[in-house]
Protein backbone atom coordinates (compact mmCIF):
# COMPACT_ATOMS: atom_id res chain seq x y z
CA MET A 1 -24.00 22.02 11.15
CA LYS A 2 -26.43 24.55 9.65
CA ILE A 3 -25.46 28.19 10.11
CA LEU A 4 -27.78 31.13 9.42
CA ILE A 5 -26.11 34.50 8.85
CA THR A 6 -27.62 37.99 8.92
CA ASN A 7 -26.18 41.50 9.38
CA ASP A 8 -27.23 45.14 9.38
CA ASP A 9 -24.89 46.57 6.73
CA GLY A 10 -26.84 44.80 3.99
CA ILE A 11 -26.40 41.70 1.89
CA LYS A 12 -23.93 43.44 -0.46
CA ALA A 13 -21.62 44.50 2.38
CA PRO A 14 -18.13 42.96 2.37
CA GLY A 15 -18.40 41.80 5.99
CA ILE A 16 -21.17 39.29 5.39
CA HIS A 17 -19.32 37.87 2.38
CA THR A 18 -16.17 37.48 4.50
CA LEU A 19 -18.10 35.76 7.29
CA ALA A 20 -19.79 33.37 4.86
CA GLN A 21 -16.43 32.31 3.43
CA ILE A 22 -14.95 31.76 6.90
CA VAL A 23 -17.78 29.69 8.39
CA SER A 24 -18.51 27.71 5.22
CA ASN A 25 -15.61 25.54 6.43
CA TYR A 26 -17.72 24.53 9.44
CA GLY A 27 -21.10 23.76 7.93
CA GLU A 28 -23.88 24.61 5.52
CA VAL A 29 -24.42 28.37 5.31
CA TYR A 30 -27.71 30.19 4.77
CA ILE A 31 -27.85 33.98 4.46
CA VAL A 32 -30.93 36.12 5.03
CA ALA A 33 -29.92 39.76 5.42
CA PRO A 34 -31.27 43.26 4.77
CA HIS A 35 -31.49 44.13 1.09
CA THR A 36 -30.02 47.57 1.89
CA ASN A 37 -28.03 49.07 4.77
CA ASN A 38 -29.92 48.95 8.08
CA SER A 39 -27.22 50.12 10.47
CA ALA A 40 -28.29 51.41 13.90
CA VAL A 41 -31.93 50.31 13.53
CA GLY A 42 -31.75 48.49 16.86
CA HIS A 43 -34.31 45.76 17.41
CA GLY A 44 -37.04 47.21 15.20
CA ILE A 45 -39.33 44.94 13.19
CA THR A 46 -41.60 45.71 10.24
CA MET A 47 -45.33 45.46 10.99
CA ARG A 48 -47.14 47.99 8.78
CA ARG A 49 -46.16 46.78 5.32
CA PRO A 50 -45.32 43.45 3.69
CA LEU A 51 -41.70 42.40 3.39
CA LYS A 52 -40.23 41.78 -0.04
CA SER A 53 -37.37 39.36 -0.69
CA TYR A 54 -34.69 39.29 -3.38
CA PRO A 55 -32.65 36.17 -4.25
CA ASP A 56 -28.91 36.75 -4.24
CA SER A 57 -25.70 34.77 -4.57
CA ILE A 58 -22.84 34.74 -2.08
CA LYS A 59 -19.77 32.54 -2.26
CA GLY A 60 -19.85 29.86 0.41
CA ALA A 61 -23.62 30.09 0.96
CA THR A 62 -26.18 27.47 -0.04
CA LEU A 63 -28.88 30.16 -0.02
CA ALA A 64 -28.71 33.96 0.00
CA ILE A 65 -31.77 36.20 0.20
CA GLY A 66 -32.06 39.94 0.73
CA VAL A 67 -35.12 41.19 2.63
CA ASP A 68 -36.29 44.81 2.66
CA GLY A 69 -36.43 44.87 6.44
CA THR A 70 -34.35 44.98 9.58
CA PRO A 71 -31.93 42.35 10.90
CA ALA A 72 -34.58 41.16 13.37
CA ASP A 73 -37.03 40.90 10.45
CA CYS A 74 -34.50 38.79 8.56
CA VAL A 75 -34.11 36.31 11.41
CA LYS A 76 -37.88 35.97 11.84
CA TYR A 77 -38.35 35.63 8.06
CA ALA A 78 -35.68 32.95 7.79
CA LEU A 79 -37.09 30.89 10.65
CA ALA A 80 -40.83 31.35 10.23
CA HIS A 81 -41.23 31.75 6.46
CA LEU A 82 -38.25 30.05 4.87
CA LYS A 83 -38.35 27.32 7.54
CA ILE A 84 -34.57 27.31 7.98
CA LYS A 85 -33.69 25.42 11.16
CA PRO A 86 -30.09 26.35 11.97
CA ASP A 87 -27.88 25.06 14.73
CA LEU A 88 -26.38 28.53 15.14
CA ILE A 89 -27.18 32.07 14.01
CA LEU A 90 -24.40 34.59 13.30
CA SER A 91 -24.73 38.33 12.70
CA GLY A 92 -21.99 40.33 11.00
CA ILE A 93 -19.28 41.08 10.23
CA ASN A 94 -20.18 44.66 11.06
CA ASP A 95 -17.76 47.21 9.62
CA GLU A 96 -17.54 49.07 12.95
CA ARG A 97 -17.27 47.75 16.50
CA ASN A 98 -20.35 47.23 18.63
CA VAL A 99 -19.22 47.67 22.22
CA GLY A 100 -20.63 49.35 25.29
CA THR A 101 -24.13 50.76 25.20
CA ASP A 102 -23.93 50.91 21.41
CA VAL A 103 -25.22 47.33 21.52
CA LEU A 104 -28.66 48.85 22.21
CA TYR A 105 -28.64 50.65 18.86
CA SER A 106 -26.84 47.99 16.85
CA GLY A 107 -28.83 46.10 14.24
CA THR A 108 -26.01 43.56 14.17
CA VAL A 109 -26.33 42.73 17.86
CA SER A 110 -30.13 42.91 17.71
CA GLY A 111 -30.18 40.34 14.91
CA ALA A 112 -28.28 37.96 17.17
CA ILE A 113 -30.46 38.69 20.20
CA GLU A 114 -33.55 38.05 18.06
CA ALA A 115 -32.09 34.60 17.44
CA ASN A 116 -32.02 34.08 21.23
CA LEU A 117 -35.61 35.25 21.57
CA CYS A 118 -36.55 32.64 18.95
CA GLY A 119 -34.67 29.93 20.86
CA TYR A 120 -31.37 29.72 18.99
CA PRO A 121 -27.74 30.30 20.08
CA ALA A 122 -26.12 33.30 18.44
CA MET A 123 -22.96 35.30 17.95
CA ALA A 124 -22.50 38.89 16.80
CA ILE A 125 -19.21 39.71 15.09
CA SER A 126 -17.92 43.24 14.51
CA THR A 127 -14.62 44.85 13.61
CA THR A 128 -13.17 48.36 13.75
CA ASN A 129 -12.58 50.60 10.73
CA SER A 130 -13.56 47.77 8.32
CA ASN A 131 -10.56 45.71 9.45
CA PHE A 132 -11.79 42.41 8.02
CA ASP A 133 -8.27 40.96 7.71
CA ILE A 134 -7.95 40.65 11.48
CA VAL A 135 -11.25 38.74 11.56
CA LYS A 136 -10.02 36.36 8.86
CA SER A 137 -6.87 35.73 10.89
CA TYR A 138 -8.27 35.36 14.40
CA PHE A 139 -11.96 34.47 14.21
CA PRO A 140 -11.58 30.82 13.10
CA ALA A 141 -9.65 29.87 16.25
CA ILE A 142 -12.08 31.79 18.45
CA PHE A 143 -15.03 30.17 16.67
CA GLU A 144 -13.62 26.68 17.14
CA LYS A 145 -13.09 27.26 20.87
CA LEU A 146 -16.64 28.55 21.26
CA LEU A 147 -18.02 25.60 19.32
CA SER A 148 -16.24 23.25 21.72
CA GLN A 149 -18.51 24.55 24.47
CA THR A 150 -22.28 24.22 24.83
CA LEU A 151 -23.80 27.27 23.14
CA LEU A 152 -26.77 28.58 25.11
CA THR A 153 -29.97 29.59 23.36
CA ASP A 154 -30.49 32.56 25.69
CA THR A 155 -27.04 34.10 25.23
CA THR A 156 -25.43 36.09 22.42
CA ILE A 157 -21.64 36.01 22.25
CA ASN A 158 -20.66 39.53 21.18
CA ILE A 159 -17.20 39.52 19.57
CA ASN A 160 -15.36 42.68 18.57
CA PHE A 161 -12.03 43.16 16.82
CA PRO A 162 -9.75 46.23 17.06
CA SER A 163 -8.22 48.16 14.17
CA LEU A 164 -4.71 46.80 14.82
CA GLU A 165 -3.02 44.31 12.49
CA GLU A 166 -1.87 42.38 15.58
CA PRO A 167 -4.21 42.50 18.59
CA LYS A 168 -2.69 42.49 22.08
CA GLY A 169 -4.76 39.47 23.03
CA ILE A 170 -8.30 38.43 23.84
CA LYS A 171 -10.33 39.71 26.78
CA VAL A 172 -13.64 38.40 28.05
CA ALA A 173 -15.15 41.75 28.98
CA THR A 174 -18.16 43.36 30.60
CA VAL A 175 -20.36 45.88 28.75
CA GLY A 176 -19.12 49.43 29.16
CA ILE A 177 -20.63 52.85 28.45
CA SER A 178 -20.39 54.44 25.01
CA ARG A 179 -20.84 58.20 25.29
CA TYR A 180 -20.41 60.71 22.48
CA ASP A 181 -19.89 64.45 22.17
CA GLU A 182 -23.11 64.64 20.19
CA CYS A 183 -24.04 67.35 17.74
CA TYR A 184 -26.24 67.68 14.68
CA VAL A 185 -24.59 68.82 11.45
CA GLU A 186 -26.46 70.32 8.51
CA GLU A 187 -26.80 67.92 5.61
CA GLN A 188 -29.10 67.82 2.58
CA GLY A 189 -31.55 70.30 4.02
CA GLY A 190 -31.69 68.62 7.43
CA HIS A 191 -29.51 67.63 10.36
CA ARG A 192 -27.50 64.45 10.89
CA LEU A 193 -26.35 63.14 14.27
CA SER A 194 -22.56 63.19 14.60
CA GLY A 195 -19.83 63.55 17.20
CA PRO A 196 -16.76 61.65 18.47
CA LEU A 197 -16.65 59.05 21.25
CA ILE A 198 -15.77 60.50 24.67
CA ASP A 199 -13.17 58.58 26.67
CA ILE A 200 -15.04 58.56 29.98
CA ASP A 201 -13.73 57.03 33.20
CA GLN A 202 -14.83 53.39 33.41
CA PRO A 203 -13.29 50.06 34.44
CA GLU A 204 -10.51 48.63 32.31
CA GLU A 205 -12.32 45.28 32.06
CA THR A 206 -15.16 46.81 30.01
CA ASP A 207 -15.37 46.09 26.29
CA VAL A 208 -15.08 49.82 25.54
CA LYS A 209 -11.72 50.16 27.31
CA SER A 210 -10.41 46.76 26.22
CA ILE A 211 -10.94 47.28 22.51
CA LYS A 212 -9.54 50.84 22.76
CA ASN A 213 -6.42 49.24 24.26
CA GLY A 214 -6.07 46.89 21.30
CA TYR A 215 -7.72 43.67 22.50
CA ILE A 216 -10.26 41.42 20.86
CA THR A 217 -13.27 41.44 23.17
CA ILE A 218 -15.76 38.66 23.86
CA THR A 219 -18.86 39.55 25.87
CA PRO A 220 -21.79 37.24 26.62
CA LEU A 221 -25.05 39.19 26.37
CA LYS A 222 -28.28 38.08 28.00
CA PHE A 223 -31.67 39.69 27.47
CA LYS A 224 -32.84 40.80 30.90
CA LEU A 225 -34.48 44.16 31.56
CA TYR A 226 -35.64 43.87 35.14
CA ASP A 227 -33.76 44.70 38.36
CA ASP A 228 -33.79 41.93 41.01
CA ASP A 229 -32.90 44.27 43.87
CA LYS A 230 -35.62 46.76 42.93
CA ILE A 231 -38.18 43.95 42.59
CA PHE A 232 -37.36 42.90 46.17
CA GLU A 233 -37.58 46.48 47.40
CA LEU A 234 -40.90 47.20 45.67
CA SER A 235 -42.35 43.86 46.79
CA LYS A 236 -41.83 44.92 50.40
CA LEU A 237 -43.36 48.34 49.66
CA PHE A 238 -46.49 46.88 48.08
């Protein structure tokens, strides 16, 4: 099996090195990731300048290349330019969880969804508070179970790990709402977005609540922006 890995924390981040070592036991690993940190860039791609690439070396990887672009750039670059044809594309391990509506901002999740848009199955893997040890302990078994199923090319499996040493279990969860008490703090002559997560009322089966309660969460994500009910309603109107 050929596995392509990207991330948004950058090719030097510890999470991508950890993931490469874990999945090198399951196949041939190729890494194409941002040359520098690209956290929270969402699904942006680079169109107005050429991309530059930088060869690297990562234990467990057959090939490692840093690209001065976004995670979505890296996936496109690996497939279209480097001609890597993986069986599976992984994104992570992000050093913070990507649950709830934060998946819309996440470069990690967007890298995986870009894989779907290009016709490849994908998983996004994130942990909480840089807790990579829990991923080392629990991800291999989760990965093997997922590999035993047919992986769909239009679905990203979004996996998140809590900050606990021992999780309470695994929950297949829906996407919740991530809302913050947002403020801008002065920094280096400007203002930086900050603010803690607000614990709003939402169902316990959401990924936001489940990971807060100490569970590993698994959420299948599918790219679909339209509303079937509203399409039906507007079709009658027009």
